[in-house]
Protein backbone atom coordinates (compact mmCIF):
# COMPACT_ATOMS: atom_id res chain seq x y z
CA MET A 1 0.01 -0.10 0.12
CA PRO A 2 2.19 2.91 -1.38
CA ALA A 3 0.11 5.81 -0.23
CA PRO A 4 0.23 4.97 3.74
CA ARG A 5 3.82 4.19 3.67
CA GLN A 6 4.90 7.05 1.98
CA SER A 7 2.74 9.17 4.81
CA MET A 8 4.56 7.56 7.69
CA THR A 9 7.93 8.54 5.78
CA ARG A 10 7.07 12.26 5.72
CA PHE A 11 6.11 12.15 9.62
CA GLN A 12 9.38 10.55 10.35
CA LEU A 13 11.17 13.20 8.64
CA ARG A 14 9.23 16.07 10.15
CA LEU A 15 10.20 14.46 13.82
CA VAL A 16 13.74 13.86 13.04
CA LEU A 17 13.85 17.62 11.43
CA TRP A 18 12.22 19.06 14.69
CA THR A 19 14.68 16.91 17.03
CA LEU A 20 17.50 18.09 15.25
CA LEU A 21 16.16 21.75 15.62
CA LEU A 22 15.77 21.42 19.04
CA ALA A 23 19.19 20.07 19.63
CA ILE A 24 20.78 23.10 18.05
CA VAL A 25 18.85 25.61 19.78
CA LEU A 26 19.59 24.10 23.07
CA SER A 27 23.27 23.93 22.42
CA VAL A 28 23.61 27.49 21.51
CA GLN A 29 22.05 28.81 24.38
CA ALA A 30 23.00 28.83 28.14
CA GLN A 31 20.74 27.12 30.82
CA ILE A 32 19.51 29.63 33.08
CA ASP A 33 17.46 28.65 36.16
CA GLY A 34 15.79 31.61 37.82
CA PRO A 35 14.90 32.11 41.23
CA LYS A 36 12.70 29.09 43.05
CA PRO A 37 10.10 29.41 45.95
CA GLN A 38 11.69 29.61 49.21
CA THR A 39 9.86 27.11 51.70
CA TRP A 40 12.32 27.42 54.78
CA GLU A 41 14.78 29.67 56.21
CA TRP A 42 17.62 29.73 58.85
CA GLY A 43 19.16 32.15 61.03
CA LEU A 44 21.85 32.38 63.80
CA THR A 45 20.52 31.65 67.52
CA GLN A 46 22.56 34.02 69.35
CA THR A 47 22.48 37.98 68.76
CA VAL A 48 25.63 38.81 66.73
CA SER A 49 26.57 42.49 65.45
CA MET A 50 27.94 42.68 61.81
CA SER A 51 31.15 41.34 62.85
CA LEU A 52 31.90 37.65 63.45
CA PRO A 53 35.07 36.55 65.30
CA SER A 54 37.64 34.56 63.58
CA CYS A 55 37.21 30.94 64.60
CA ALA A 56 34.09 31.29 66.56
CA ILE A 57 31.29 28.75 66.53
CA LEU A 58 27.93 30.14 65.77
CA ALA A 59 24.62 28.14 66.67
CA ILE A 60 22.43 28.10 63.75
CA GLU A 61 18.73 26.58 63.35
CA ALA A 62 16.44 25.80 60.11
CA ASN A 63 12.76 26.55 60.08
CA PRO A 64 9.96 26.28 57.95
CA ARG A 65 9.16 29.45 56.40
CA GLY A 66 6.01 31.31 57.45
CA ALA A 67 3.83 31.88 54.20
CA ALA A 68 1.61 34.59 53.44
CA ASN A 69 -1.60 33.10 54.44
CA GLY A 70 -0.28 31.77 58.07
CA THR A 71 0.56 28.27 56.90
CA LEU A 72 3.93 26.82 57.04
CA LEU A 73 5.74 25.52 54.39
CA ALA A 74 7.73 22.62 54.04
CA ASP A 75 11.08 21.84 56.22
CA GLY A 76 14.43 21.53 54.85
CA ILE A 77 15.53 18.11 54.43
CA PRO A 78 18.91 17.28 56.54
CA PRO A 79 21.91 17.23 56.34
CA PHE A 80 22.38 20.88 56.12
CA TYR A 81 25.39 22.97 54.61
CA ILE A 82 26.60 26.57 54.94
CA THR A 83 28.07 28.59 52.15
CA ALA A 84 30.09 31.32 53.02
CA PHE A 85 30.92 34.01 50.13
CA PRO A 86 33.71 36.00 50.74
CA VAL A 87 33.46 39.50 48.66
CA VAL A 88 37.41 38.72 47.87
CA GLY A 89 38.42 35.51 48.33
CA ILE A 90 37.35 31.86 47.46
CA PRO A 91 33.93 30.37 48.84
CA SER A 92 33.72 27.29 51.19
CA VAL A 93 30.86 24.94 51.57
CA SER A 94 30.74 23.44 55.37
CA PHE A 95 28.65 20.52 56.62
CA ILE A 96 26.88 22.18 59.69
CA GLY A 97 24.43 19.10 60.95
CA THR A 98 21.47 17.12 60.65
CA ASN A 99 19.38 18.55 63.51
CA GLU A 100 17.34 21.59 62.27
CA SER A 101 17.72 22.89 65.63
CA ASP A 102 21.14 22.22 66.58
CA LEU A 103 23.35 23.20 63.86
CA SER A 104 26.81 25.10 64.06
CA TRP A 105 29.44 26.34 61.96
CA THR A 106 32.95 27.63 62.47
CA VAL A 107 34.13 30.93 61.27
CA LYS A 108 37.37 29.93 58.96
CA TYR A 109 38.14 33.11 57.38
CA PRO A 110 41.17 35.75 58.21
CA VAL A 111 40.64 38.94 60.20
CA GLY A 112 38.98 41.61 57.66
CA THR A 113 37.29 39.17 55.32
CA LYS A 114 33.84 40.34 54.27
CA LEU A 115 31.04 37.15 54.11
CA VAL A 116 27.95 36.68 52.59
CA LEU A 117 26.39 33.59 54.12
CA GLY A 118 23.61 31.09 52.84
CA VAL A 119 22.38 27.77 53.97
CA VAL A 120 20.98 24.84 51.46
CA ASP A 121 19.66 21.26 52.61
CA SER A 122 20.63 18.03 51.33
CA ARG A 123 18.42 18.28 47.75
CA GLY A 124 20.21 21.79 47.41
CA THR A 125 17.12 23.85 48.46
CA SER A 126 17.99 26.95 49.50
CA GLY A 127 17.07 28.45 53.10
CA GLY A 128 18.05 32.21 51.46
CA ILE A 129 21.04 34.31 51.58
CA GLY A 130 21.45 36.13 55.09
CA PRO A 131 20.53 39.84 55.22
CA THR A 132 23.92 40.75 56.67
CA LEU A 133 27.42 41.32 54.90
CA TYR A 134 29.56 40.35 57.88
CA THR A 135 32.99 41.56 58.56
CA VAL A 136 35.30 38.74 60.18
CA SER A 137 36.83 40.37 63.37
CA ALA A 138 40.02 39.13 65.53
CA GLY A 139 38.69 36.09 67.72
CA GLU A 140 40.27 34.34 70.41
CA THR A 141 42.49 32.02 68.22
CA SER A 142 43.31 32.02 64.74
CA ASP A 143 44.21 27.95 64.83
CA CYS A 144 41.18 27.02 62.86
CA LEU A 145 42.40 28.87 59.75
CA PRO A 146 43.53 27.09 56.59
CA SER A 147 46.56 27.59 54.90
CA PRO A 148 46.09 30.42 52.09
CA PRO A 149 45.57 28.82 48.63
CA SER A 150 48.41 28.46 46.54
CA ASP A 151 46.60 28.87 43.30
CA THR A 152 44.20 31.63 42.49
CA SER A 153 44.31 31.80 38.76
CA PHE A 154 40.93 30.46 38.71
CA LYS A 155 38.90 33.68 39.07
CA ILE A 156 35.70 35.84 38.46
CA THR A 157 35.91 39.50 37.48
CA ALA A 158 33.20 42.09 36.87
CA ASN A 159 32.98 45.45 35.13
CA VAL A 160 30.94 46.95 37.72
CA THR A 161 31.90 46.37 41.50
CA ASP A 162 29.86 49.29 43.19
CA VAL A 163 26.69 50.21 41.89
CA LEU A 164 24.31 48.54 39.41
CA ASP A 165 21.47 50.24 37.70
CA THR A 166 18.36 48.63 36.86
CA CYS A 167 18.52 46.87 33.73
CA GLN A 168 22.03 47.54 33.60
CA PRO A 169 24.23 44.94 31.75
CA TRP A 170 26.58 43.07 34.53
CA GLY A 171 29.63 41.65 32.65
CA LEU A 172 31.07 38.86 34.61
CA THR A 173 34.40 37.21 33.19
CA VAL A 174 35.67 33.62 34.34
CA GLU A 175 38.97 32.94 33.86
CA GLY A 176 40.92 29.46 34.55
CA GLY A 177 39.71 26.36 35.89
CA THR A 178 37.64 23.67 33.89
CA PRO A 179 34.89 24.82 31.80
CA PRO A 180 31.94 24.71 31.45
CA TYR A 181 31.57 27.03 33.94
CA HIS A 182 28.65 27.70 36.50
CA VAL A 183 27.88 30.82 38.04
CA THR A 184 25.50 31.74 40.72
CA ILE A 185 24.14 35.28 41.20
CA ALA A 186 22.69 35.61 44.80
CA GLN A 187 20.61 38.57 46.29
CA MET A 188 20.98 39.03 49.93
CA ASN A 189 18.06 38.76 52.67
CA SER A 190 16.33 36.68 50.04
CA GLY A 191 15.77 33.31 48.42
CA ASN A 192 16.16 34.72 44.92
CA ILE A 193 19.28 32.83 43.33
CA THR A 194 20.00 32.68 39.78
CA ASN A 195 22.07 29.75 38.45
CA VAL A 196 23.53 29.83 35.02
CA THR A 197 25.50 26.99 33.40
CA PHE A 198 27.77 28.20 30.55
CA GLY A 199 28.28 26.68 27.28
CA THR A 200 31.51 24.75 26.69
CA MET A 201 33.11 27.58 24.70
CA ASP A 202 31.56 30.49 26.93
CA SER A 203 33.63 32.59 29.39
CA VAL A 204 31.78 35.94 29.74
CA LEU A 205 28.18 36.38 31.44
CA THR A 206 26.03 39.19 30.57
CA TYR A 207 23.73 39.50 33.26
CA ILE A 208 20.63 41.86 32.99
CA ASN A 209 19.95 43.34 36.44
CA ARG A 210 16.31 42.89 37.42
CA THR A 211 17.06 42.90 41.24
CA PRO A 212 14.78 45.58 42.74
CA PRO A 213 16.92 48.70 43.87
CA GLY A 214 18.06 48.99 47.46
CA ASN A 215 19.46 45.32 47.54
CA GLN A 216 22.95 43.56 47.21
CA ILE A 217 23.89 40.81 45.07
CA ILE A 218 26.85 38.91 44.79
CA ALA A 219 28.25 36.53 41.92
CA MET A 220 30.07 33.27 42.47
CA ALA A 221 31.71 30.94 39.84
CA SER A 222 32.77 27.38 39.80
CA ASP A 223 33.91 24.91 37.04
CA VAL A 224 33.08 21.35 35.96
CA ASN A 225 35.29 19.81 38.79
CA GLY A 226 33.27 21.74 41.49
CA ARG A 227 36.18 23.94 42.23
CA TRP A 228 35.18 27.73 43.32
CA ALA A 229 36.56 30.57 41.67
CA ASN A 230 38.48 33.54 43.60
CA GLY A 231 36.90 36.92 43.55
CA ASN A 232 33.14 37.10 43.88
CA PRO A 233 32.14 40.45 42.67
CA PHE A 234 29.51 42.39 45.05
CA VAL A 235 27.25 45.22 44.29
CA ARG A 236 24.33 47.48 45.28
CA THR A 237 21.83 48.04 43.25
CA LYS A 238 19.77 51.40 42.59
CA GLY A 239 17.35 52.64 39.94
CA SER A 240 13.93 52.14 38.49
CA GLN A 241 11.34 49.92 39.85
CA ASP A 242 10.47 49.07 36.36
CA MET A 243 12.61 45.62 36.19
CA ASP A 244 10.86 44.37 33.12
CA CYS A 245 13.85 45.37 30.83
CA PHE A 246 11.95 44.41 27.78
CA GLY A 247 14.28 43.40 24.88
CA TRP A 248 17.45 42.62 27.59
CA ASP A 249 18.37 39.00 27.91
CA THR A 250 21.07 37.52 30.20
CA THR A 251 23.46 35.71 27.75
CA THR A 252 26.70 33.72 27.84
CA HIS A 253 29.69 33.98 25.19
CA GLY A 254 33.20 33.65 24.63
CA PHE A 255 35.67 35.81 26.05
CA GLU A 256 36.87 36.92 22.49
CA ASP A 257 33.45 38.41 21.68
CA GLU A 258 33.46 40.73 24.71
CA THR A 259 34.84 44.39 23.93
CA SER A 260 32.98 46.77 26.57
CA PRO A 261 30.74 44.48 28.88
CA GLY A 262 29.08 47.23 30.59
CA GLU A 263 27.88 48.87 27.59
CA LYS A 264 24.40 48.66 26.54
CA ASP A 265 24.95 48.77 22.90
CA HIS A 266 27.54 45.84 23.31
CA SER A 267 24.83 43.77 24.74
CA LEU A 268 22.50 44.55 21.70
CA SER A 269 25.63 43.56 19.61
CA HIS A 270 25.89 40.30 21.41
CA ARG A 271 22.24 39.28 21.04
CA THR A 272 22.52 40.04 17.21
CA LYS A 273 25.73 37.67 17.14
CA ILE A 274 23.49 35.10 18.93
CA GLY A 275 20.59 35.70 16.49
CA ILE A 276 22.90 35.31 13.69
CA ILE A 277 24.53 32.06 15.19
CA VAL A 278 21.01 30.55 15.79
CA GLY A 279 19.82 31.66 12.39
CA ALA A 280 22.41 29.93 10.75
CA ALA A 281 22.04 26.69 12.63
CA LEU A 282 18.48 26.58 11.77
CA GLY A 283 19.21 27.51 8.10
CA ALA A 284 21.67 24.68 8.15
CA VAL A 285 19.19 22.40 9.83
CA LEU A 286 16.46 23.10 7.02
CA ILE A 287 18.96 22.38 4.13
CA PHE A 288 20.09 19.32 5.60
CA GLY A 289 16.48 18.16 6.43
CA ALA A 290 15.21 19.16 2.83
CA ILE A 291 18.31 17.08 1.38
CA PHE A 292 17.72 14.21 3.84
CA ALA A 293 13.87 14.33 2.72
CA VAL A 294 14.65 14.39 -1.09
CA PHE A 295 16.80 11.29 -0.79
CA ILE A 296 14.28 9.30 1.33
CA LEU A 297 11.40 10.06 -1.08
CA ARG A 298 13.44 8.98 -4.00
CA ARG A 299 14.74 5.87 -2.28
CA ARG A 300 11.26 4.99 -1.54
CA ARG A 301 10.34 5.40 -5.57
CA LYS A 302 13.15 3.41 -6.31
CA GLU A 303 12.44 0.45 -4.16
CA SER A 304 8.49 0.54 -5.20
CA LEU A 305 9.55 0.53 -8.54
CA GLU A 306 12.01 -2.48 -8.31
CA THR A 307 9.49 -4.48 -6.18
CA SER A 308 6.34 -3.80 -8.26
CA GLU A 309 5.23 -6.66 -10.45
CA ILE A 310 4.81 -4.95 -13.61
CA THR A 311 1.85 -6.01 -15.84
CA PRO A 312 1.69 -4.12 -19.16
CA PHE A 313 -1.43 -5.69 -20.44
CA SER A 314 -4.30 -8.14 -19.73
CA ARG A 315 -5.99 -10.49 -21.66
CA GLU A 316 -9.84 -10.87 -21.83
CA SER A 317 -12.03 -13.59 -23.75
CA ASN A 318 -13.56 -12.27 -26.98
CA PRO A 319 -16.63 -13.93 -27.84
CA GLY A 320 -15.68 -13.17 -31.48
CA GLY A 321 -12.36 -14.71 -31.27
CA GLY A 322 -9.20 -13.49 -30.36
CA ASN A 323 -7.87 -11.58 -27.35
CA ILE A 324 -8.82 -8.11 -25.88
CA VAL A 325 -5.69 -6.30 -24.58
CA ALA A 326 -6.70 -3.32 -22.22
CA TYR A 327 -3.89 -0.69 -21.51
CA PRO A 328 -4.86 2.26 -18.70
CA LEU A 329 -4.49 5.43 -19.90
CA GLU A 330 -3.69 6.83 -16.54
CA SER A 331 -0.42 4.78 -16.46
CA SER A 332 2.48 5.96 -18.43
CA LEU A 333 4.25 2.57 -17.15
CA TYR A 334 1.53 0.23 -18.21
CA ALA A 335 1.80 -1.04 -14.49
CA SER A 336 -1.90 -1.15 -13.56
CA ARG A 337 -3.83 -4.33 -12.96
CA ALA A 338 -6.97 -2.79 -13.71
CA THR A 339 -8.73 -4.42 -16.78
CA SER A 340 -11.93 -3.91 -18.61
CA LYS A 341 -14.38 -6.23 -19.66
CA ILE A 342 -16.37 -5.38 -23.14
CA ALA A 343 -19.94 -6.75 -23.10
CA PRO A 344 -20.91 -8.41 -26.48
CA SER A 345 -22.58 -5.81 -28.74
CA SER A 346 -26.27 -6.30 -29.68
CA ARG A 347 -25.63 -5.88 -33.00
CA SER A 348 -22.15 -8.11 -33.54
CA SER A 349 -20.80 -10.57 -31.46
CA THR A 350 -17.36 -10.05 -32.52
CA VAL A 351 -15.16 -7.36 -32.57
CA PRO A 352 -13.63 -6.19 -36.08
CA GLU A 353 -9.93 -6.88 -36.57
CA SER A 354 -7.57 -3.93 -35.61
CA SER A 355 -10.48 -2.24 -33.84
CA SER A 356 -9.97 -0.31 -30.71
CA SER A 357 -12.01 1.68 -28.22
CA ILE A 358 -11.62 4.27 -25.09
CA THR A 359 -14.01 3.21 -22.21
CA GLY A 360 -13.65 4.20 -18.72
CA GLY A 361 -10.16 5.54 -19.09
CA THR A 362 -9.08 2.40 -20.59
CA MET A 363 -7.65 1.88 -24.24
CA VAL A 364 -9.03 -1.36 -25.49
CA PHE A 365 -7.24 -3.32 -28.65
CA ALA A 366 -8.98 -6.46 -30.21
CA SER A 367 -6.37 -9.25 -31.75
CA PRO A 368 -7.79 -11.10 -34.46
CA HIS A 369 -5.84 -14.19 -33.10
CA PRO A 370 -6.50 -16.13 -30.18
CA ASP A 371 -3.16 -16.74 -29.17
CA LEU A 372 -1.71 -13.19 -29.75
CA ALA A 373 -1.55 -9.98 -27.96
CA GLU A 374 -1.27 -6.38 -29.21
CA LEU A 375 2.33 -5.14 -28.67
CA PRO A 376 3.41 -2.81 -25.67
CA PRO A 377 3.23 0.86 -26.62
CA PRO A 378 4.15 3.40 -27.97
CA TYR A 379 0.87 3.65 -29.84
CA PRO A 380 -0.69 6.50 -31.92
CA LYS A 381 -1.74 9.70 -30.45
CA TRP A 382 -5.58 9.52 -29.84
CA PRO A 383 -7.50 12.73 -30.46
């Protein structure tokens, strides 16, 4: 049944085409995960100022977060971990316990380090970023401090290090380490955390600031091996309350594309480059799909011709003697099995020699000899 098989072939071609199209689009875009709902929160159980003594042990607890309607949301799932983000330095992740009411952390940073703290549970769900930018002060001892890192070549830097306007592009460049990179941008006193996974060849993130004005955000980078980068740019936000930033998108790209990461015209130029790349990729996929479709259809047609049994003509008994040979007019290959039976005429029971007629789209010839049939085409053109 040729028609259904051809229909299935076209469906499969469409499926292959759209699969390739989706794969190309996903491969040229970075994966950006926006903020997720915060269901629980954490806090220090003792009152502390904006300074944290070096090597001090801080008591922490984690609790469900109160929703707007007064009900409690889900607890964090132990064990719990605290992440310390130094404004200049290398972040650290530390285990702080399994009992949500009895967690503890030791301040293992040198005097003068500015820290942002955040806690996550075993699922990686964030309990939020702390509201305070702490400064490490001198403690009773410094014995807990680890040795300074010997290699700080893996780093993250920014074009803006003080104040960031609403919708202003924030250029973050990652150097060293092993790509692909992962950048986390966290808003203080909030559960708003944005995670961006770079493409394999990308090293620059142009982040469009949609953080409400009057807040503080910090950026951290890690590589494919889970190693943290040195740096962690920290900025304050200001500007308009209109944070739609229509037409502006957070994007990643290679270092060689970056000329002026803080300029809006650069961001527009970069989006144009991304559009050209995506357009070229889609064009290549469409061309490949068209070539593939033509190849499949031609192969199907060839197989159909090779496997079909060709019947150039058929025989019918002739009351007047001889055979009636029918050739379908609609088939240029004379491969149809269709035949036409001609009823005996009331005037004559025989068909005159070499006579022919056209009946129901079939050309009919009569042979005067019972064992002979008309030769195959070509035949004279009929008016």
